[in-house]
Amino acid sequence: MPNIKFSYLYRDAGNYKNFGCIVFSNPANLPLAVIDANIKKHLIDGCWFYAEEWQLPDLRFADTSYNDPTWHEFERVEYTELLPNTQLCLE
């Protein structure tokens, strides 16, 4: 059963980006379409989320300013053979 790679990014006010990903286990063997739909229904305007609320690493730059947003941007989910790097899993 493949694991799920959740890719996301942080984009500051100057459009500088910092990319990250988390690999989840998928013990229920959920299809990508179901996972993607479940994620998107919890996003702000179908795109953004607060990393701390989702228990994901914060990708903001160390030198953020008051102009920089505090949300992160969802990119995609995909199957991967990489090992999970979080205790969170999809069930």
C-alpha atoms as a PDB file:
ATOM      1  CA  MET A   1       0.000   0.000   0.000  1.00  0.00           C
ATOM      2  CA  PRO A   2       1.585   3.299  -1.058  1.00  0.00           C
ATOM      3  CA  ASN A   3       1.972   6.186   1.330  1.00  0.00           C
ATOM      4  CA  ILE A   4       0.701   9.679   0.580  1.00  0.00           C
ATOM      5  CA  LYS A   5       2.947  12.664  -0.028  1.00  0.00           C
ATOM      6  CA  PHE A   6       1.262  15.967   0.915  1.00  0.00           C
ATOM      7  CA  SER A   7       3.094  18.876  -0.765  1.00  0.00           C
ATOM      8  CA  TYR A   8       2.597  22.454   0.328  1.00  0.00           C
ATOM      9  CA  LEU A   9       4.378  25.785   0.347  1.00  0.00           C
ATOM     10  CA  TYR A  10       4.666  29.131   2.043  1.00  0.00           C
ATOM     11  CA  ARG A  11       4.623  32.262  -0.126  1.00  0.00           C
ATOM     12  CA  ASP A  12       5.571  35.566   1.490  1.00  0.00           C
ATOM     13  CA  ALA A  13       4.446  39.066   0.444  1.00  0.00           C
ATOM     14  CA  GLY A  14       7.402  39.334  -1.951  1.00  0.00           C
ATOM     15  CA  ASN A  15       6.383  36.021  -3.603  1.00  0.00           C
ATOM     16  CA  TYR A  16       9.436  34.192  -2.233  1.00  0.00           C
ATOM     17  CA  LYS A  17       8.529  30.551  -1.682  1.00  0.00           C
ATOM     18  CA  ASN A  18       9.540  27.824   0.715  1.00  0.00           C
ATOM     19  CA  PHE A  19       8.400  24.305  -0.234  1.00  0.00           C
ATOM     20  CA  GLY A  20       7.747  21.346   2.027  1.00  0.00           C
ATOM     21  CA  CYS A  21       6.073  17.986   2.168  1.00  0.00           C
ATOM     22  CA  ILE A  22       4.872  15.426   4.666  1.00  0.00           C
ATOM     23  CA  VAL A  23       4.546  11.703   3.984  1.00  0.00           C
ATOM     24  CA  PHE A  24       1.562  10.039   5.646  1.00  0.00           C
ATOM     25  CA  SER A  25       0.804   6.372   6.000  1.00  0.00           C
ATOM     26  CA  ASN A  26      -2.389   5.272   4.284  1.00  0.00           C
ATOM     27  CA  PRO A  27      -3.600   2.212   6.231  1.00  0.00           C
ATOM     28  CA  ALA A  28      -7.127   2.452   4.793  1.00  0.00           C
ATOM     29  CA  ASN A  29      -5.666   2.517   1.254  1.00  0.00           C
ATOM     30  CA  LEU A  30      -7.743   5.563   0.349  1.00  0.00           C
ATOM     31  CA  PRO A  31      -7.643   6.618  -3.316  1.00  0.00           C
ATOM     32  CA  LEU A  32      -5.957   9.924  -4.173  1.00  0.00           C
ATOM     33  CA  ALA A  33      -9.216  11.446  -5.439  1.00  0.00           C
ATOM     34  CA  VAL A  34     -10.890  10.879  -2.061  1.00  0.00           C
ATOM     35  CA  ILE A  35      -7.909  12.250  -0.125  1.00  0.00           C
ATOM     36  CA  ASP A  36      -7.653  15.297  -2.394  1.00  0.00           C
ATOM     37  CA  ALA A  37     -11.391  16.048  -2.088  1.00  0.00           C
ATOM     38  CA  ASN A  38     -11.296  15.693   1.715  1.00  0.00           C
ATOM     39  CA  ILE A  39      -8.336  18.057   1.956  1.00  0.00           C
ATOM     40  CA  LYS A  40      -9.825  20.669  -0.366  1.00  0.00           C
ATOM     41  CA  LYS A  41     -13.100  20.867   1.549  1.00  0.00           C
ATOM     42  CA  HIS A  42     -11.132  21.975   4.641  1.00  0.00           C
ATOM     43  CA  LEU A  43      -9.021  24.617   2.899  1.00  0.00           C
ATOM     44  CA  ILE A  44      -9.647  28.354   2.967  1.00  0.00           C
ATOM     45  CA  ASP A  45     -11.009  29.245  -0.484  1.00  0.00           C
ATOM     46  CA  GLY A  46      -9.907  25.809  -1.688  1.00  0.00           C
ATOM     47  CA  CYS A  47      -6.222  26.651  -1.405  1.00  0.00           C
ATOM     48  CA  TRP A  48      -4.894  27.892   1.963  1.00  0.00           C
ATOM     49  CA  PHE A  49      -4.530  26.572   5.490  1.00  0.00           C
ATOM     50  CA  TYR A  50      -2.751  27.344   8.762  1.00  0.00           C
ATOM     51  CA  ALA A  51       0.065  24.851   9.262  1.00  0.00           C
ATOM     52  CA  GLU A  52      -0.164  24.883  13.057  1.00  0.00           C
ATOM     53  CA  GLU A  53      -3.881  24.017  12.939  1.00  0.00           C
ATOM     54  CA  TRP A  54      -3.057  21.034  10.706  1.00  0.00           C
ATOM     55  CA  GLN A  55      -0.107  19.983  12.886  1.00  0.00           C
ATOM     56  CA  LEU A  56       2.308  20.491   9.982  1.00  0.00           C
ATOM     57  CA  PRO A  57       5.724  22.165  10.029  1.00  0.00           C
ATOM     58  CA  ASP A  58       5.580  25.934   9.591  1.00  0.00           C
ATOM     59  CA  LEU A  59       7.454  26.912   6.429  1.00  0.00           C
ATOM     60  CA  ARG A  60       7.492  30.677   7.052  1.00  0.00           C
ATOM     61  CA  PHE A  61      10.844  32.423   6.731  1.00  0.00           C
ATOM     62  CA  ALA A  62      12.664  33.494   9.886  1.00  0.00           C
ATOM     63  CA  ASP A  63      12.609  37.151   8.832  1.00  0.00           C
ATOM     64  CA  THR A  64       8.858  37.520   8.174  1.00  0.00           C
ATOM     65  CA  SER A  65       7.343  40.978   8.288  1.00  0.00           C
ATOM     66  CA  TYR A  66       3.878  42.236   9.145  1.00  0.00           C
ATOM     67  CA  ASN A  67       3.054  42.248   5.410  1.00  0.00           C
ATOM     68  CA  ASP A  68       3.597  38.510   5.092  1.00  0.00           C
ATOM     69  CA  PRO A  69       0.601  36.168   5.282  1.00  0.00           C
ATOM     70  CA  THR A  70       0.399  33.530   8.001  1.00  0.00           C
ATOM     71  CA  TRP A  71      -1.232  30.821   5.887  1.00  0.00           C
ATOM     72  CA  HIS A  72       0.303  28.089   3.764  1.00  0.00           C
ATOM     73  CA  GLU A  73      -0.737  26.915   0.312  1.00  0.00           C
ATOM     74  CA  PHE A  74      -1.749  23.368  -0.599  1.00  0.00           C
ATOM     75  CA  GLU A  75      -0.049  22.043  -3.748  1.00  0.00           C
ATOM     76  CA  ARG A  76      -1.013  18.408  -4.237  1.00  0.00           C
ATOM     77  CA  VAL A  77      -1.142  14.863  -2.893  1.00  0.00           C
ATOM     78  CA  GLU A  78       0.440  11.913  -4.619  1.00  0.00           C
ATOM     79  CA  TYR A  79       1.347   8.305  -3.976  1.00  0.00           C
ATOM     80  CA  THR A  80       4.896   7.653  -2.836  1.00  0.00           C
ATOM     81  CA  GLU A  81       7.083   4.797  -1.721  1.00  0.00           C
ATOM     82  CA  LEU A  82       8.868   7.127   0.720  1.00  0.00           C
ATOM     83  CA  LEU A  83       8.537   6.185   4.375  1.00  0.00           C
ATOM     84  CA  PRO A  84       6.157   8.240   6.527  1.00  0.00           C
ATOM     85  CA  ASN A  85       7.848  11.148   8.297  1.00  0.00           C
ATOM     86  CA  THR A  86       4.981  11.937  10.663  1.00  0.00           C
ATOM     87  CA  GLN A  87       2.900  10.044  13.193  1.00  0.00           C
ATOM     88  CA  LEU A  88      -0.246  11.435  11.579  1.00  0.00           C
ATOM     89  CA  CYS A  89      -1.968   9.039   9.209  1.00  0.00           C
ATOM     90  CA  LEU A  90      -4.957   8.963   6.908  1.00  0.00           C
ATOM     91  CA  GLU A  91      -7.824   6.846   8.163  1.00  0.00           C
END
